[in-house]
Amino acid sequence: MKYIEQGHTIEEAHKVFEVGTTTIKEWKKLKKETGKLEKRALERKATKICPNKLKAYIAENPDSYMREIAEVFNCTESAIFYAFKRLKISRKKNG
């Protein structure tokens, strides 16, 4: 960023440092907004699936498929998969 602040263009910085122009623009924007180049904290949305309700459902319906669980919780199978992963619930079946 010092190179650009010294009067060089983004394109010149791109060629000299072999960094993408989009990356340089993002860094420039970040520095303008925050005054520094430190990574921002991720803003995560609240989870749609209540962990306690999911655990209770699994306890009552241990043989249910992910697609069935997803229908009950009105979400996708991948959301159920990641909820299982987050809660350390194993769905491996013997057989």
C-alpha atoms as a PDB file:
ATOM      1  CA  MET A   1       0.000   0.000   0.000  1.00  0.00           C
ATOM      2  CA  LYS A   2       2.933   2.330   0.611  1.00  0.00           C
ATOM      3  CA  TYR A   3       3.847   1.939  -3.061  1.00  0.00           C
ATOM      4  CA  ILE A   4       0.417   3.210  -4.115  1.00  0.00           C
ATOM      5  CA  GLU A   5       0.446   5.928  -1.467  1.00  0.00           C
ATOM      6  CA  GLN A   6       3.714   7.153  -3.021  1.00  0.00           C
ATOM      7  CA  GLY A   7       1.780   7.975  -6.189  1.00  0.00           C
ATOM      8  CA  HIS A   8       1.963   4.768  -8.199  1.00  0.00           C
ATOM      9  CA  THR A   9      -1.126   3.330  -9.846  1.00  0.00           C
ATOM     10  CA  ILE A  10      -2.863   0.075  -8.984  1.00  0.00           C
ATOM     11  CA  GLU A  11      -1.782  -1.291 -12.368  1.00  0.00           C
ATOM     12  CA  GLU A  12       1.861  -0.470 -11.629  1.00  0.00           C
ATOM     13  CA  ALA A  13       1.612  -2.153  -8.213  1.00  0.00           C
ATOM     14  CA  HIS A  14       0.004  -5.163  -9.893  1.00  0.00           C
ATOM     15  CA  LYS A  15       2.953  -5.540 -12.266  1.00  0.00           C
ATOM     16  CA  VAL A  16       5.677  -4.886  -9.686  1.00  0.00           C
ATOM     17  CA  PHE A  17       4.331  -7.057  -6.851  1.00  0.00           C
ATOM     18  CA  GLU A  18       2.381  -9.603  -8.949  1.00  0.00           C
ATOM     19  CA  VAL A  19      -0.779  -9.122  -6.896  1.00  0.00           C
ATOM     20  CA  GLY A  20      -4.200  -9.032  -8.528  1.00  0.00           C
ATOM     21  CA  THR A  21      -5.749  -5.629  -9.093  1.00  0.00           C
ATOM     22  CA  THR A  22      -8.950  -6.707  -7.342  1.00  0.00           C
ATOM     23  CA  THR A  23      -6.946  -7.644  -4.247  1.00  0.00           C
ATOM     24  CA  ILE A  24      -5.184  -4.285  -4.269  1.00  0.00           C
ATOM     25  CA  LYS A  25      -8.528  -2.488  -4.606  1.00  0.00           C
ATOM     26  CA  GLU A  26      -9.938  -4.468  -1.668  1.00  0.00           C
ATOM     27  CA  TRP A  27      -6.887  -3.601   0.445  1.00  0.00           C
ATOM     28  CA  LYS A  28      -7.249   0.050  -0.496  1.00  0.00           C
ATOM     29  CA  LYS A  29     -10.944  -0.002   0.434  1.00  0.00           C
ATOM     30  CA  LEU A  30     -10.211  -1.776   3.730  1.00  0.00           C
ATOM     31  CA  LYS A  31      -7.541   0.751   4.670  1.00  0.00           C
ATOM     32  CA  LYS A  32      -9.867   3.639   3.805  1.00  0.00           C
ATOM     33  CA  GLU A  33     -12.705   2.200   5.917  1.00  0.00           C
ATOM     34  CA  THR A  34     -10.746   0.937   8.926  1.00  0.00           C
ATOM     35  CA  GLY A  35      -7.421   2.769   8.750  1.00  0.00           C
ATOM     36  CA  LYS A  36      -5.507  -0.527   8.763  1.00  0.00           C
ATOM     37  CA  LEU A  37      -5.017  -3.665   6.700  1.00  0.00           C
ATOM     38  CA  GLU A  38      -5.995  -6.217   9.330  1.00  0.00           C
ATOM     39  CA  LYS A  39      -8.506  -8.831   8.340  1.00  0.00           C
ATOM     40  CA  ARG A  40     -12.064  -8.117   9.466  1.00  0.00           C
ATOM     41  CA  ALA A  41     -13.868 -10.512  11.741  1.00  0.00           C
ATOM     42  CA  LEU A  42     -16.340 -12.729   9.929  1.00  0.00           C
ATOM     43  CA  GLU A  43     -19.969 -11.891  10.472  1.00  0.00           C
ATOM     44  CA  ARG A  44     -21.901 -15.118  10.722  1.00  0.00           C
ATOM     45  CA  LYS A  45     -25.643 -15.460  10.698  1.00  0.00           C
ATOM     46  CA  ALA A  46     -27.426 -17.257  13.481  1.00  0.00           C
ATOM     47  CA  THR A  47     -28.001 -20.893  12.704  1.00  0.00           C
ATOM     48  CA  LYS A  48     -31.443 -21.901  11.579  1.00  0.00           C
ATOM     49  CA  ILE A  49     -31.275 -25.287  13.252  1.00  0.00           C
ATOM     50  CA  CYS A  50     -31.731 -25.363  17.031  1.00  0.00           C
ATOM     51  CA  PRO A  51     -29.110 -27.793  18.389  1.00  0.00           C
ATOM     52  CA  ASN A  52     -31.344 -29.022  21.214  1.00  0.00           C
ATOM     53  CA  LYS A  53     -34.287 -29.677  18.885  1.00  0.00           C
ATOM     54  CA  LEU A  54     -32.025 -31.514  16.433  1.00  0.00           C
ATOM     55  CA  LYS A  55     -30.591 -33.712  19.188  1.00  0.00           C
ATOM     56  CA  ALA A  56     -34.095 -34.473  20.472  1.00  0.00           C
ATOM     57  CA  TYR A  57     -35.323 -35.320  16.976  1.00  0.00           C
ATOM     58  CA  ILE A  58     -32.366 -37.667  16.399  1.00  0.00           C
ATOM     59  CA  ALA A  59     -33.007 -39.354  19.753  1.00  0.00           C
ATOM     60  CA  GLU A  60     -36.659 -39.951  18.792  1.00  0.00           C
ATOM     61  CA  ASN A  61     -35.926 -40.852  15.145  1.00  0.00           C
ATOM     62  CA  PRO A  62     -32.478 -42.502  15.058  1.00  0.00           C
ATOM     63  CA  ASP A  63     -33.006 -44.150  11.645  1.00  0.00           C
ATOM     64  CA  SER A  64     -34.211 -41.073   9.769  1.00  0.00           C
ATOM     65  CA  TYR A  65     -32.410 -39.954   6.613  1.00  0.00           C
ATOM     66  CA  MET A  66     -30.827 -36.545   6.224  1.00  0.00           C
ATOM     67  CA  ARG A  67     -33.397 -35.521   3.609  1.00  0.00           C
ATOM     68  CA  GLU A  68     -36.193 -36.335   6.079  1.00  0.00           C
ATOM     69  CA  ILE A  69     -34.506 -34.347   8.829  1.00  0.00           C
ATOM     70  CA  ALA A  70     -33.999 -31.449   6.419  1.00  0.00           C
ATOM     71  CA  GLU A  71     -37.719 -31.448   5.599  1.00  0.00           C
ATOM     72  CA  VAL A  72     -38.627 -31.372   9.290  1.00  0.00           C
ATOM     73  CA  PHE A  73     -36.254 -28.466   9.956  1.00  0.00           C
ATOM     74  CA  ASN A  74     -37.131 -26.681   6.682  1.00  0.00           C
ATOM     75  CA  CYS A  75     -33.553 -26.523   5.422  1.00  0.00           C
ATOM     76  CA  THR A  76     -31.160 -28.300   3.068  1.00  0.00           C
ATOM     77  CA  GLU A  77     -29.417 -31.625   3.581  1.00  0.00           C
ATOM     78  CA  SER A  78     -26.077 -29.838   3.609  1.00  0.00           C
ATOM     79  CA  ALA A  79     -27.287 -27.638   6.492  1.00  0.00           C
ATOM     80  CA  ILE A  80     -28.122 -30.805   8.428  1.00  0.00           C
ATOM     81  CA  PHE A  81     -24.732 -32.272   7.531  1.00  0.00           C
ATOM     82  CA  TYR A  82     -22.908 -29.212   8.896  1.00  0.00           C
ATOM     83  CA  ALA A  83     -25.118 -29.137  11.998  1.00  0.00           C
ATOM     84  CA  PHE A  84     -24.173 -32.773  12.657  1.00  0.00           C
ATOM     85  CA  LYS A  85     -20.522 -31.896  12.157  1.00  0.00           C
ATOM     86  CA  ARG A  86     -20.782 -28.883  14.470  1.00  0.00           C
ATOM     87  CA  LEU A  87     -22.514 -30.972  17.151  1.00  0.00           C
ATOM     88  CA  LYS A  88     -20.210 -33.972  16.606  1.00  0.00           C
ATOM     89  CA  ILE A  89     -23.121 -36.265  15.755  1.00  0.00           C
ATOM     90  CA  SER A  90     -22.116 -39.339  13.794  1.00  0.00           C
ATOM     91  CA  ARG A  91     -24.611 -40.821  11.346  1.00  0.00           C
ATOM     92  CA  LYS A  92     -22.615 -43.847  10.236  1.00  0.00           C
ATOM     93  CA  LYS A  93     -24.719 -46.962   9.960  1.00  0.00           C
ATOM     94  CA  ASN A  94     -23.494 -50.529  10.405  1.00  0.00           C
ATOM     95  CA  GLY A  95     -24.334 -52.919   7.685  1.00  0.00           C
END
